[in-house]
Amino acid sequence: MYSISIHNMEDKMKASVVDLRYKMNEVLKALDRRERVTITHHGKVRGIIEPVRTGTMMKVEEHPFFNMAADDMETVAAQMDKLRGSRYDDIRY
């Protein structure tokens, strides 16, 4: 039959397709520990499952580029229009 084994390799887990079926709970725990899981089938790597990045999306207005100069009172939209220049005006109107 199948030999089920899950190998931990420094911050990575290696699991076979059979492991996904019978040991999915351990795979999910590895993902919770922020480990990458390498999936193998017949000893060959078939794919990698990576944990979801949990970083928060920042608003454009919060990006460090905008308002670099403390005395700059120009809005983000105005700054973007200036950066885009005439190429944006050609398709905007």
N, C-alpha and C. Protein backbone atom coordinates (compact mmCIF):
# COMPACT_ATOMS: atom_id res chain seq x y z
N MET A 1 0.84 -1.19 0.00
CA MET A 1 0.00 0.00 0.00
C MET A 1 0.88 1.24 0.00
N TYR A 2 0.39 2.34 0.53
CA TYR A 2 1.12 3.60 0.58
C TYR A 2 1.81 3.77 1.92
N SER A 3 2.97 4.36 1.89
CA SER A 3 3.59 4.75 3.16
C SER A 3 3.38 6.25 3.31
N ILE A 4 2.73 6.64 4.37
CA ILE A 4 2.38 8.04 4.58
C ILE A 4 3.46 8.68 5.46
N SER A 5 4.08 9.71 4.93
CA SER A 5 5.09 10.40 5.72
C SER A 5 5.08 11.87 5.38
N ILE A 6 5.23 12.65 6.40
CA ILE A 6 5.34 14.10 6.23
C ILE A 6 6.70 14.48 6.77
N HIS A 7 7.51 15.11 5.95
CA HIS A 7 8.87 15.47 6.32
C HIS A 7 8.94 16.97 6.56
N ASN A 8 9.51 17.34 7.67
CA ASN A 8 9.74 18.75 7.97
C ASN A 8 11.18 19.09 7.65
N MET A 9 11.38 20.11 6.81
CA MET A 9 12.73 20.52 6.44
C MET A 9 12.84 22.03 6.66
N GLU A 10 13.45 22.43 7.79
CA GLU A 10 13.68 23.83 8.13
C GLU A 10 12.71 24.78 7.46
N ASP A 11 11.60 24.99 8.09
CA ASP A 11 10.63 25.97 7.64
C ASP A 11 9.85 25.52 6.41
N LYS A 12 10.06 24.28 5.96
CA LYS A 12 9.29 23.75 4.83
C LYS A 12 8.81 22.36 5.21
N MET A 13 7.65 22.00 4.71
CA MET A 13 7.13 20.67 4.90
C MET A 13 7.04 20.00 3.54
N LYS A 14 7.35 18.73 3.50
CA LYS A 14 7.24 17.98 2.26
C LYS A 14 6.16 16.93 2.48
N ALA A 15 5.13 16.92 1.65
CA ALA A 15 4.01 16.00 1.81
C ALA A 15 3.66 15.38 0.47
N SER A 16 3.27 14.11 0.50
CA SER A 16 2.86 13.44 -0.74
C SER A 16 1.38 13.70 -0.98
N VAL A 17 0.91 13.31 -2.14
CA VAL A 17 -0.49 13.47 -2.49
C VAL A 17 -1.35 12.66 -1.51
N VAL A 18 -0.87 11.50 -1.12
CA VAL A 18 -1.59 10.67 -0.15
C VAL A 18 -1.69 11.38 1.19
N ASP A 19 -0.61 12.09 1.58
CA ASP A 19 -0.63 12.86 2.82
C ASP A 19 -1.73 13.92 2.79
N LEU A 20 -1.94 14.50 1.63
CA LEU A 20 -3.00 15.51 1.53
C LEU A 20 -4.36 14.90 1.85
N ARG A 21 -4.53 13.66 1.49
CA ARG A 21 -5.81 13.00 1.74
C ARG A 21 -5.96 12.59 3.20
N TYR A 22 -4.93 11.97 3.75
CA TYR A 22 -5.05 11.39 5.07
C TYR A 22 -4.51 12.26 6.20
N LYS A 23 -3.64 13.20 5.91
CA LYS A 23 -3.00 14.02 6.94
C LYS A 23 -3.17 15.52 6.67
N MET A 24 -4.30 15.89 6.09
CA MET A 24 -4.51 17.29 5.73
C MET A 24 -4.45 18.21 6.95
N ASN A 25 -4.87 17.71 8.10
CA ASN A 25 -4.82 18.52 9.32
C ASN A 25 -3.39 18.95 9.63
N GLU A 26 -2.42 18.06 9.45
CA GLU A 26 -1.02 18.41 9.70
C GLU A 26 -0.50 19.41 8.67
N VAL A 27 -0.96 19.28 7.44
CA VAL A 27 -0.57 20.24 6.40
C VAL A 27 -1.11 21.62 6.75
N LEU A 28 -2.37 21.68 7.19
CA LEU A 28 -2.96 22.97 7.57
C LEU A 28 -2.25 23.57 8.78
N LYS A 29 -1.83 22.74 9.72
CA LYS A 29 -1.08 23.24 10.87
C LYS A 29 0.27 23.83 10.43
N ALA A 30 0.91 23.19 9.46
CA ALA A 30 2.17 23.73 8.94
C ALA A 30 1.95 25.08 8.29
N LEU A 31 0.86 25.23 7.56
CA LEU A 31 0.53 26.52 6.94
C LEU A 31 0.25 27.57 8.01
N ASP A 32 -0.39 27.14 9.11
CA ASP A 32 -0.62 28.08 10.22
C ASP A 32 0.69 28.53 10.85
N ARG A 33 1.71 27.67 10.79
CA ARG A 33 3.04 28.03 11.31
C ARG A 33 3.85 28.82 10.27
N ARG A 34 3.20 29.20 9.17
CA ARG A 34 3.80 30.00 8.09
C ARG A 34 4.87 29.22 7.34
N GLU A 35 4.71 27.88 7.22
CA GLU A 35 5.66 27.04 6.49
C GLU A 35 5.14 26.81 5.07
N ARG A 36 6.08 26.67 4.16
CA ARG A 36 5.73 26.28 2.79
C ARG A 36 5.60 24.77 2.76
N VAL A 37 4.63 24.26 2.02
CA VAL A 37 4.42 22.81 1.91
C VAL A 37 4.70 22.40 0.47
N THR A 38 5.69 21.53 0.28
CA THR A 38 6.02 21.01 -1.05
C THR A 38 5.25 19.72 -1.26
N ILE A 39 4.50 19.64 -2.36
CA ILE A 39 3.68 18.48 -2.66
C ILE A 39 4.42 17.59 -3.65
N THR A 40 4.50 16.30 -3.32
CA THR A 40 5.17 15.35 -4.21
C THR A 40 4.19 14.26 -4.65
N HIS A 41 4.46 13.70 -5.81
CA HIS A 41 3.69 12.57 -6.34
C HIS A 41 4.68 11.63 -6.99
N HIS A 42 4.74 10.40 -6.50
CA HIS A 42 5.73 9.41 -6.96
C HIS A 42 7.15 9.95 -6.84
N GLY A 43 7.40 10.71 -5.75
CA GLY A 43 8.74 11.20 -5.47
C GLY A 43 9.16 12.45 -6.21
N LYS A 44 8.31 12.95 -7.10
CA LYS A 44 8.65 14.16 -7.86
C LYS A 44 7.82 15.33 -7.34
N VAL A 45 8.47 16.48 -7.25
CA VAL A 45 7.77 17.68 -6.79
C VAL A 45 6.75 18.09 -7.83
N ARG A 46 5.52 18.27 -7.39
CA ARG A 46 4.43 18.67 -8.28
C ARG A 46 3.92 20.07 -8.01
N GLY A 47 4.18 20.58 -6.82
CA GLY A 47 3.70 21.92 -6.51
C GLY A 47 4.11 22.35 -5.12
N ILE A 48 3.82 23.60 -4.83
CA ILE A 48 4.14 24.18 -3.52
C ILE A 48 2.91 24.95 -3.05
N ILE A 49 2.54 24.71 -1.80
CA ILE A 49 1.46 25.48 -1.18
C ILE A 49 2.12 26.45 -0.22
N GLU A 50 1.80 27.74 -0.37
CA GLU A 50 2.38 28.76 0.50
C GLU A 50 1.29 29.37 1.37
N PRO A 51 1.64 29.77 2.59
CA PRO A 51 0.65 30.42 3.44
C PRO A 51 0.26 31.78 2.88
N VAL A 52 -0.93 32.19 3.18
CA VAL A 52 -1.44 33.47 2.71
C VAL A 52 -0.70 34.59 3.42
N ARG A 53 -0.37 35.61 2.68
CA ARG A 53 0.24 36.80 3.28
C ARG A 53 -0.86 37.56 4.00
N THR A 54 -0.57 37.98 5.18
CA THR A 54 -1.59 38.66 5.97
C THR A 54 -1.35 40.16 6.08
N GLY A 55 -0.51 40.69 5.23
CA GLY A 55 -0.26 42.13 5.26
C GLY A 55 -1.51 42.90 4.86
N THR A 56 -1.69 44.02 5.45
CA THR A 56 -2.86 44.83 5.13
C THR A 56 -2.56 45.70 3.92
N MET A 57 -3.57 45.90 3.13
CA MET A 57 -3.43 46.75 1.94
C MET A 57 -3.45 48.20 2.41
N MET A 58 -2.56 48.98 1.83
CA MET A 58 -2.50 50.39 2.19
C MET A 58 -3.23 51.20 1.13
N LYS A 59 -3.87 52.26 1.57
CA LYS A 59 -4.53 53.17 0.64
C LYS A 59 -3.47 53.96 -0.10
N VAL A 60 -3.80 54.39 -1.30
CA VAL A 60 -2.86 55.17 -2.10
C VAL A 60 -2.45 56.43 -1.35
N GLU A 61 -3.40 57.04 -0.68
CA GLU A 61 -3.11 58.28 0.04
C GLU A 61 -2.10 58.07 1.16
N GLU A 62 -1.99 56.82 1.67
CA GLU A 62 -1.08 56.54 2.77
C GLU A 62 0.33 56.16 2.31
N HIS A 63 0.53 56.01 1.01
CA HIS A 63 1.84 55.63 0.48
C HIS A 63 2.85 56.73 0.77
N PRO A 64 4.07 56.36 1.14
CA PRO A 64 5.07 57.38 1.50
C PRO A 64 5.41 58.35 0.38
N PHE A 65 5.19 57.97 -0.88
CA PHE A 65 5.50 58.88 -1.99
C PHE A 65 4.70 60.17 -1.89
N PHE A 66 3.43 60.04 -1.58
CA PHE A 66 2.56 61.21 -1.53
C PHE A 66 2.82 62.00 -0.26
N ASN A 67 2.74 63.29 -0.39
CA ASN A 67 2.96 64.21 0.73
C ASN A 67 4.35 64.08 1.33
N MET A 68 5.33 63.85 0.48
CA MET A 68 6.71 63.79 0.96
C MET A 68 7.14 65.13 1.53
N ALA A 69 6.72 66.17 0.86
CA ALA A 69 7.03 67.51 1.34
C ALA A 69 5.89 67.95 2.25
N ALA A 70 6.20 68.28 3.45
CA ALA A 70 5.17 68.63 4.43
C ALA A 70 4.37 69.85 4.00
N ASP A 71 4.99 70.76 3.24
CA ASP A 71 4.30 71.97 2.82
C ASP A 71 3.51 71.79 1.53
N ASP A 72 3.54 70.60 0.93
CA ASP A 72 2.85 70.34 -0.33
C ASP A 72 1.36 70.10 -0.04
N MET A 73 0.52 70.95 -0.55
CA MET A 73 -0.91 70.85 -0.30
C MET A 73 -1.66 70.24 -1.50
N GLU A 74 -0.93 69.72 -2.46
CA GLU A 74 -1.54 69.14 -3.65
C GLU A 74 -2.18 67.79 -3.31
N THR A 75 -3.36 67.54 -3.86
CA THR A 75 -4.06 66.29 -3.58
C THR A 75 -3.39 65.14 -4.32
N VAL A 76 -3.71 63.92 -3.90
CA VAL A 76 -3.16 62.72 -4.56
C VAL A 76 -3.59 62.69 -6.02
N ALA A 77 -4.86 63.00 -6.28
CA ALA A 77 -5.35 63.00 -7.66
C ALA A 77 -4.58 63.99 -8.52
N ALA A 78 -4.30 65.17 -7.99
CA ALA A 78 -3.55 66.18 -8.74
C ALA A 78 -2.13 65.71 -8.99
N GLN A 79 -1.50 65.09 -7.99
CA GLN A 79 -0.15 64.57 -8.18
C GLN A 79 -0.13 63.47 -9.24
N MET A 80 -1.13 62.59 -9.23
CA MET A 80 -1.19 61.52 -10.22
C MET A 80 -1.41 62.10 -11.62
N ASP A 81 -2.27 63.09 -11.74
CA ASP A 81 -2.48 63.72 -13.05
C ASP A 81 -1.18 64.32 -13.58
N LYS A 82 -0.41 64.96 -12.70
CA LYS A 82 0.85 65.56 -13.12
C LYS A 82 1.84 64.47 -13.56
N LEU A 83 1.88 63.35 -12.82
CA LEU A 83 2.78 62.26 -13.18
C LEU A 83 2.39 61.60 -14.50
N ARG A 84 1.10 61.42 -14.69
CA ARG A 84 0.63 60.75 -15.92
C ARG A 84 0.84 61.64 -17.14
N GLY A 85 0.67 62.90 -16.97
CA GLY A 85 0.91 63.84 -18.06
C GLY A 85 -0.05 63.71 -19.22
N SER A 86 0.42 64.07 -20.41
CA SER A 86 -0.46 64.13 -21.59
C SER A 86 -0.91 62.77 -22.06
N ARG A 87 -0.16 61.71 -21.79
CA ARG A 87 -0.59 60.39 -22.27
C ARG A 87 -1.89 59.98 -21.61
N TYR A 88 -2.11 60.39 -20.36
CA TYR A 88 -3.36 60.08 -19.67
C TYR A 88 -4.48 60.98 -20.17
N ASP A 89 -4.18 62.25 -20.48
CA ASP A 89 -5.19 63.16 -20.99
C ASP A 89 -5.74 62.70 -22.33
N ASP A 90 -4.92 62.03 -23.14
CA ASP A 90 -5.37 61.58 -24.45
C ASP A 90 -6.47 60.53 -24.35
N ILE A 91 -6.43 59.69 -23.33
CA ILE A 91 -7.45 58.64 -23.22
C ILE A 91 -8.57 59.01 -22.25
N ARG A 92 -8.36 60.01 -21.43
CA ARG A 92 -9.34 60.40 -20.43
C ARG A 92 -10.51 61.16 -21.04
N TYR A 93 -10.27 61.94 -22.07
CA TYR A 93 -11.35 62.77 -22.63
C TYR A 93 -11.79 62.30 -23.96
